[in-house]
Amino acid sequence: MILAIDLGSTSFKAAVVDGQLNVRAVGAHPIKHRFAAGGRVEIDAGEATASLQKAIRRAITSAGIRAAS
């Protein structure tokens, strides 16, 4: 099994892919942005970590596998 991760600008996504490169499941979770001075966009590191963990858990659970697999 392969766990693919996409850290996008609006959400973090994770996909579980099997040995034949078939996507078994996908999980996603939105991320919160803060707009700062000078046109910067900021993301809180704790919120980003939590969003990534939720996306990964959703993908693994949807694929019906254990993380140890």
PDB file of N, CA and C in Angstrom:
ATOM      1  N   MET A   1       0.839  -1.182   0.000  1.00  0.00           N
ATOM      2  CA  MET A   1       0.000   0.000   0.000  1.00  0.00           C
ATOM      3  C   MET A   1       0.885   1.247   0.000  1.00  0.00           C
ATOM      4  N   ILE A   2       0.393   2.246  -0.682  1.00  0.00           N
ATOM      5  CA  ILE A   2       1.079   3.531  -0.748  1.00  0.00           C
ATOM      6  C   ILE A   2       0.127   4.583  -0.205  1.00  0.00           C
ATOM      7  N   LEU A   3       0.634   5.474   0.620  1.00  0.00           N
ATOM      8  CA  LEU A   3      -0.153   6.606   1.095  1.00  0.00           C
ATOM      9  C   LEU A   3       0.379   7.846   0.393  1.00  0.00           C
ATOM     10  N   ALA A   4      -0.436   8.424  -0.488  1.00  0.00           N
ATOM     11  CA  ALA A   4      -0.060   9.641  -1.207  1.00  0.00           C
ATOM     12  C   ALA A   4      -0.701  10.837  -0.514  1.00  0.00           C
ATOM     13  N   ILE A   5       0.047  11.922  -0.383  1.00  0.00           N
ATOM     14  CA  ILE A   5      -0.435  13.108   0.331  1.00  0.00           C
ATOM     15  C   ILE A   5      -0.317  14.328  -0.570  1.00  0.00           C
ATOM     16  N   ASP A   6      -1.384  15.133  -0.603  1.00  0.00           N
ATOM     17  CA  ASP A   6      -1.411  16.375  -1.378  1.00  0.00           C
ATOM     18  C   ASP A   6      -1.700  17.519  -0.423  1.00  0.00           C
ATOM     19  N   LEU A   7      -0.730  18.391  -0.222  1.00  0.00           N
ATOM     20  CA  LEU A   7      -0.914  19.557   0.638  1.00  0.00           C
ATOM     21  C   LEU A   7      -1.322  20.724  -0.245  1.00  0.00           C
ATOM     22  N   GLY A   8      -2.605  20.788  -0.554  1.00  0.00           N
ATOM     23  CA  GLY A   8      -3.125  21.814  -1.451  1.00  0.00           C
ATOM     24  C   GLY A   8      -3.352  23.138  -0.751  1.00  0.00           C
ATOM     25  N   SER A   9      -3.793  24.103  -1.516  1.00  0.00           N
ATOM     26  CA  SER A   9      -3.992  25.445  -0.967  1.00  0.00           C
ATOM     27  C   SER A   9      -5.338  25.617  -0.283  1.00  0.00           C
ATOM     28  N   THR A  10      -6.314  24.740  -0.560  1.00  0.00           N
ATOM     29  CA  THR A  10      -7.626  24.846   0.078  1.00  0.00           C
ATOM     30  C   THR A  10      -7.951  23.656   0.954  1.00  0.00           C
ATOM     31  N   SER A  11      -7.296  22.525   0.710  1.00  0.00           N
ATOM     32  CA  SER A  11      -7.503  21.355   1.554  1.00  0.00           C
ATOM     33  C   SER A  11      -6.289  20.450   1.459  1.00  0.00           C
ATOM     34  N   PHE A  12      -6.163  19.597   2.464  1.00  0.00           N
ATOM     35  CA  PHE A  12      -5.136  18.569   2.449  1.00  0.00           C
ATOM     36  C   PHE A  12      -5.832  17.272   2.095  1.00  0.00           C
ATOM     37  N   LYS A  13      -5.223  16.501   1.214  1.00  0.00           N
ATOM     38  CA  LYS A  13      -5.820  15.262   0.738  1.00  0.00           C
ATOM     39  C   LYS A  13      -4.836  14.114   0.905  1.00  0.00           C
ATOM     40  N   ALA A  14      -5.390  12.917   1.095  1.00  0.00           N
ATOM     41  CA  ALA A  14      -4.580  11.704   1.180  1.00  0.00           C
ATOM     42  C   ALA A  14      -5.283  10.622   0.382  1.00  0.00           C
ATOM     43  N   ALA A  15      -4.506   9.770  -0.260  1.00  0.00           N
ATOM     44  CA  ALA A  15      -5.061   8.656  -1.019  1.00  0.00           C
ATOM     45  C   ALA A  15      -4.293   7.387  -0.689  1.00  0.00           C
ATOM     46  N   VAL A  16      -5.012   6.279  -0.616  1.00  0.00           N
ATOM     47  CA  VAL A  16      -4.392   4.973  -0.438  1.00  0.00           C
ATOM     48  C   VAL A  16      -4.395   4.302  -1.808  1.00  0.00           C
ATOM     49  N   VAL A  17      -3.209   3.884  -2.248  1.00  0.00           N
ATOM     50  CA  VAL A  17      -3.026   3.277  -3.564  1.00  0.00           C
ATOM     51  C   VAL A  17      -2.455   1.870  -3.352  1.00  0.00           C
ATOM     52  N   ASP A  18      -3.008   0.887  -4.075  1.00  0.00           N
ATOM     53  CA  ASP A  18      -2.513  -0.483  -3.907  1.00  0.00           C
ATOM     54  C   ASP A  18      -1.319  -0.754  -4.816  1.00  0.00           C
ATOM     55  N   GLY A  19      -0.806  -1.966  -4.771  1.00  0.00           N
ATOM     56  CA  GLY A  19       0.386  -2.346  -5.522  1.00  0.00           C
ATOM     57  C   GLY A  19       0.218  -2.277  -7.025  1.00  0.00           C
ATOM     58  N   GLN A  20      -1.021  -2.319  -7.522  1.00  0.00           N
ATOM     59  CA  GLN A  20      -1.291  -2.205  -8.958  1.00  0.00           C
ATOM     60  C   GLN A  20      -1.617  -0.762  -9.350  1.00  0.00           C
ATOM     61  N   LEU A  21      -1.381   0.165  -8.430  1.00  0.00           N
ATOM     62  CA  LEU A  21      -1.606   1.608  -8.606  1.00  0.00           C
ATOM     63  C   LEU A  21      -3.070   1.972  -8.778  1.00  0.00           C
ATOM     64  N   ASN A  22      -3.958   1.179  -8.186  1.00  0.00           N
ATOM     65  CA  ASN A  22      -5.377   1.513  -8.136  1.00  0.00           C
ATOM     66  C   ASN A  22      -5.636   2.320  -6.874  1.00  0.00           C
ATOM     67  N   VAL A  23      -6.349   3.430  -7.004  1.00  0.00           N
ATOM     68  CA  VAL A  23      -6.693   4.239  -5.837  1.00  0.00           C
ATOM     69  C   VAL A  23      -7.785   3.505  -5.073  1.00  0.00           C
ATOM     70  N   ARG A  24      -7.471   3.135  -3.841  1.00  0.00           N
ATOM     71  CA  ARG A  24      -8.438   2.397  -3.004  1.00  0.00           C
ATOM     72  C   ARG A  24      -9.366   3.332  -2.246  1.00  0.00           C
ATOM     73  N   ALA A  25      -8.850   4.499  -1.844  1.00  0.00           N
ATOM     74  CA  ALA A  25      -9.671   5.445  -1.086  1.00  0.00           C
ATOM     75  C   ALA A  25      -8.982   6.802  -1.056  1.00  0.00           C
ATOM     76  N   VAL A  26      -9.805   7.830  -0.854  1.00  0.00           N
ATOM     77  CA  VAL A  26      -9.300   9.201  -0.756  1.00  0.00           C
ATOM     78  C   VAL A  26      -9.942   9.852   0.458  1.00  0.00           C
ATOM     79  N   GLY A  27      -9.180  10.650   1.176  1.00  0.00           N
ATOM     80  CA  GLY A  27      -9.703  11.440   2.285  1.00  0.00           C
ATOM     81  C   GLY A  27      -9.234  12.871   2.115  1.00  0.00           C
ATOM     82  N   ALA A  28     -10.066  13.810   2.537  1.00  0.00           N
ATOM     83  CA  ALA A  28      -9.703  15.227   2.432  1.00  0.00           C
ATOM     84  C   ALA A  28     -10.216  15.980   3.647  1.00  0.00           C
ATOM     85  N   HIS A  29      -9.561  17.082   3.942  1.00  0.00           N
ATOM     86  CA  HIS A  29     -10.008  17.962   5.025  1.00  0.00           C
ATOM     87  C   HIS A  29      -9.594  19.384   4.674  1.00  0.00           C
ATOM     88  N   PRO A  30     -10.524  20.344   4.767  1.00  0.00           N
ATOM     89  CA  PRO A  30     -10.179  21.733   4.436  1.00  0.00           C
ATOM     90  C   PRO A  30      -9.212  22.333   5.449  1.00  0.00           C
ATOM     91  N   ILE A  31      -8.488  23.337   5.000  1.00  0.00           N
ATOM     92  CA  ILE A  31      -7.590  24.064   5.897  1.00  0.00           C
ATOM     93  C   ILE A  31      -8.048  25.514   5.991  1.00  0.00           C
ATOM     94  N   LYS A  32      -7.809  26.111   7.146  1.00  0.00           N
ATOM     95  CA  LYS A  32      -8.215  27.499   7.381  1.00  0.00           C
ATOM     96  C   LYS A  32      -7.051  28.428   7.055  1.00  0.00           C
ATOM     97  N   HIS A  33      -7.357  29.486   6.339  1.00  0.00           N
ATOM     98  CA  HIS A  33      -6.358  30.489   5.973  1.00  0.00           C
ATOM     99  C   HIS A  33      -6.605  31.780   6.745  1.00  0.00           C
ATOM    100  N   ARG A  34      -5.552  32.511   6.956  1.00  0.00           N
ATOM    101  CA  ARG A  34      -5.648  33.874   7.493  1.00  0.00           C
ATOM    102  C   ARG A  34      -4.915  34.774   6.510  1.00  0.00           C
ATOM    103  N   PHE A  35      -5.558  35.860   6.153  1.00  0.00           N
ATOM    104  CA  PHE A  35      -4.931  36.795   5.234  1.00  0.00           C
ATOM    105  C   PHE A  35      -4.218  37.871   6.044  1.00  0.00           C
ATOM    106  N   ALA A  36      -2.928  38.016   5.804  1.00  0.00           N
ATOM    107  CA  ALA A  36      -2.093  38.939   6.556  1.00  0.00           C
ATOM    108  C   ALA A  36      -1.701  40.120   5.678  1.00  0.00           C
ATOM    109  N   ALA A  37      -1.025  41.065   6.287  1.00  0.00           N
ATOM    110  CA  ALA A  37      -0.575  42.254   5.571  1.00  0.00           C
ATOM    111  C   ALA A  37       0.329  41.877   4.404  1.00  0.00           C
ATOM    112  N   GLY A  38       0.316  42.688   3.385  1.00  0.00           N
ATOM    113  CA  GLY A  38       1.193  42.477   2.252  1.00  0.00           C
ATOM    114  C   GLY A  38       0.741  41.364   1.320  1.00  0.00           C
ATOM    115  N   GLY A  39      -0.502  40.922   1.465  1.00  0.00           N
ATOM    116  CA  GLY A  39      -1.018  39.883   0.592  1.00  0.00           C
ATOM    117  C   GLY A  39      -0.601  38.471   0.974  1.00  0.00           C
ATOM    118  N   ARG A  40       0.005  38.330   2.152  1.00  0.00           N
ATOM    119  CA  ARG A  40       0.421  36.992   2.592  1.00  0.00           C
ATOM    120  C   ARG A  40      -0.786  36.178   3.045  1.00  0.00           C
ATOM    121  N   VAL A  41      -0.669  34.874   2.905  1.00  0.00           N
ATOM    122  CA  VAL A  41      -1.666  33.942   3.419  1.00  0.00           C
ATOM    123  C   VAL A  41      -0.968  33.071   4.445  1.00  0.00           C
ATOM    124  N   GLU A  42      -1.554  32.977   5.633  1.00  0.00           N
ATOM    125  CA  GLU A  42      -0.940  32.207   6.710  1.00  0.00           C
ATOM    126  C   GLU A  42      -1.827  31.043   7.107  1.00  0.00           C
ATOM    127  N   ILE A  43      -1.193  29.940   7.486  1.00  0.00           N
ATOM    128  CA  ILE A  43      -1.885  28.766   7.987  1.00  0.00           C
ATOM    129  C   ILE A  43      -1.238  28.395   9.316  1.00  0.00           C
ATOM    130  N   ASP A  44      -2.036  28.226  10.353  1.00  0.00           N
ATOM    131  CA  ASP A  44      -1.529  27.836  11.659  1.00  0.00           C
ATOM    132  C   ASP A  44      -0.963  26.414  11.577  1.00  0.00           C
ATOM    133  N   ALA A  45       0.237  26.222  12.089  1.00  0.00           N
ATOM    134  CA  ALA A  45       0.899  24.911  11.986  1.00  0.00           C
ATOM    135  C   ALA A  45       0.107  23.819  12.700  1.00  0.00           C
ATOM    136  N   GLY A  46      -0.465  24.124  13.834  1.00  0.00           N
ATOM    137  CA  GLY A  46      -1.260  23.130  14.566  1.00  0.00           C
ATOM    138  C   GLY A  46      -2.513  22.734  13.806  1.00  0.00           C
ATOM    139  N   GLU A  47      -3.179  23.716  13.204  1.00  0.00           N
ATOM    140  CA  GLU A  47      -4.371  23.424  12.409  1.00  0.00           C
ATOM    141  C   GLU A  47      -4.009  22.632  11.155  1.00  0.00           C
ATOM    142  N   ALA A  48      -2.872  22.951  10.550  1.00  0.00           N
ATOM    143  CA  ALA A  48      -2.430  22.227   9.359  1.00  0.00           C
ATOM    144  C   ALA A  48      -2.146  20.769   9.700  1.00  0.00           C
ATOM    145  N   THR A  49      -1.486  20.539  10.813  1.00  0.00           N
ATOM    146  CA  THR A  49      -1.184  19.169  11.241  1.00  0.00           C
ATOM    147  C   THR A  49      -2.469  18.391  11.508  1.00  0.00           C
ATOM    148  N   ALA A  50      -3.422  19.012  12.195  1.00  0.00           N
ATOM    149  CA  ALA A  50      -4.692  18.348  12.489  1.00  0.00           C
ATOM    150  C   ALA A  50      -5.456  18.036  11.208  1.00  0.00           C
ATOM    151  N   SER A  51      -5.466  18.947  10.248  1.00  0.00           N
ATOM    152  CA  SER A  51      -6.155  18.713   8.977  1.00  0.00           C
ATOM    153  C   SER A  51      -5.518  17.559   8.216  1.00  0.00           C
ATOM    154  N   LEU A  52      -4.202  17.506   8.207  1.00  0.00           N
ATOM    155  CA  LEU A  52      -3.508  16.422   7.522  1.00  0.00           C
ATOM    156  C   LEU A  52      -3.818  15.077   8.183  1.00  0.00           C
ATOM    157  N   GLN A  53      -3.807  15.042   9.515  1.00  0.00           N
ATOM    158  CA  GLN A  53      -4.110  13.802  10.225  1.00  0.00           C
ATOM    159  C   GLN A  53      -5.525  13.324   9.913  1.00  0.00           C
ATOM    160  N   LYS A  54      -6.478  14.250   9.846  1.00  0.00           N
ATOM    161  CA  LYS A  54      -7.862  13.871   9.541  1.00  0.00           C
ATOM    162  C   LYS A  54      -7.988  13.332   8.128  1.00  0.00           C
ATOM    163  N   ALA A  55      -7.311  13.939   7.169  1.00  0.00           N
ATOM    164  CA  ALA A  55      -7.353  13.461   5.791  1.00  0.00           C
ATOM    165  C   ALA A  55      -6.759  12.061   5.692  1.00  0.00           C
ATOM    166  N   ILE A  56      -5.645  11.828   6.370  1.00  0.00           N
ATOM    167  CA  ILE A  56      -4.998  10.511   6.347  1.00  0.00           C
ATOM    168  C   ILE A  56      -5.898   9.464   6.989  1.00  0.00           C
ATOM    169  N   ARG A  57      -6.464   9.785   8.148  1.00  0.00           N
ATOM    170  CA  ARG A  57      -7.351   8.825   8.817  1.00  0.00           C
ATOM    171  C   ARG A  57      -8.543   8.474   7.937  1.00  0.00           C
ATOM    172  N   ARG A  58      -9.129   9.478   7.277  1.00  0.00           N
ATOM    173  CA  ARG A  58     -10.278   9.219   6.399  1.00  0.00           C
ATOM    174  C   ARG A  58      -9.908   8.290   5.259  1.00  0.00           C
ATOM    175  N   ALA A  59      -8.759   8.504   4.658  1.00  0.00           N
ATOM    176  CA  ALA A  59      -8.325   7.652   3.534  1.00  0.00           C
ATOM    177  C   ALA A  59      -8.081   6.229   4.001  1.00  0.00           C
ATOM    178  N   ILE A  60      -7.386   6.062   5.107  1.00  0.00           N
ATOM    179  CA  ILE A  60      -7.070   4.730   5.606  1.00  0.00           C
ATOM    180  C   ILE A  60      -8.336   3.994   6.030  1.00  0.00           C
ATOM    181  N   THR A  61      -9.216   4.692   6.733  1.00  0.00           N
ATOM    182  CA  THR A  61     -10.475   4.078   7.171  1.00  0.00           C
ATOM    183  C   THR A  61     -11.336   3.700   5.978  1.00  0.00           C
ATOM    184  N   SER A  62     -11.445   4.580   4.998  1.00  0.00           N
ATOM    185  CA  SER A  62     -12.251   4.300   3.800  1.00  0.00           C
ATOM    186  C   SER A  62     -11.703   3.131   3.005  1.00  0.00           C
ATOM    187  N   ALA A  63     -10.387   2.943   3.037  1.00  0.00           N
ATOM    188  CA  ALA A  63      -9.778   1.835   2.313  1.00  0.00           C
ATOM    189  C   ALA A  63      -9.973   0.503   3.040  1.00  0.00           C
ATOM    190  N   GLY A  64     -10.396   0.577   4.288  1.00  0.00           N
ATOM    191  CA  GLY A  64     -10.628  -0.637   5.062  1.00  0.00           C
ATOM    192  C   GLY A  64      -9.358  -1.352   5.471  1.00  0.00           C
ATOM    193  N   ILE A  65      -8.289  -0.586   5.672  1.00  0.00           N
ATOM    194  CA  ILE A  65      -7.027  -1.191   6.097  1.00  0.00           C
ATOM    195  C   ILE A  65      -6.594  -0.623   7.436  1.00  0.00           C
ATOM    196  N   ARG A  66      -5.658  -1.310   8.052  1.00  0.00           N
ATOM    197  CA  ARG A  66      -5.055  -0.803   9.279  1.00  0.00           C
ATOM    198  C   ARG A  66      -3.811  -0.020   8.902  1.00  0.00           C
ATOM    199  N   ALA A  67      -3.468   0.967   9.681  1.00  0.00           N
ATOM    200  CA  ALA A  67      -2.291   1.786   9.384  1.00  0.00           C
ATOM    201  C   ALA A  67      -1.029   0.933   9.293  1.00  0.00           C
ATOM    202  N   ALA A  68      -0.958  -0.163  10.043  1.00  0.00           N
ATOM    203  CA  ALA A  68       0.229  -1.031  10.014  1.00  0.00           C
ATOM    204  C   ALA A  68       0.389  -1.718   8.657  1.00  0.00           C
ATOM    205  N   SER A  69      -0.694  -1.819   7.887  1.00  0.00           N
ATOM    206  CA  SER A  69      -0.603  -2.449   6.562  1.00  0.00           C
ATOM    207  C   SER A  69       0.197  -1.600   5.604  1.00  0.00           C
TER     208      SER A  69
END
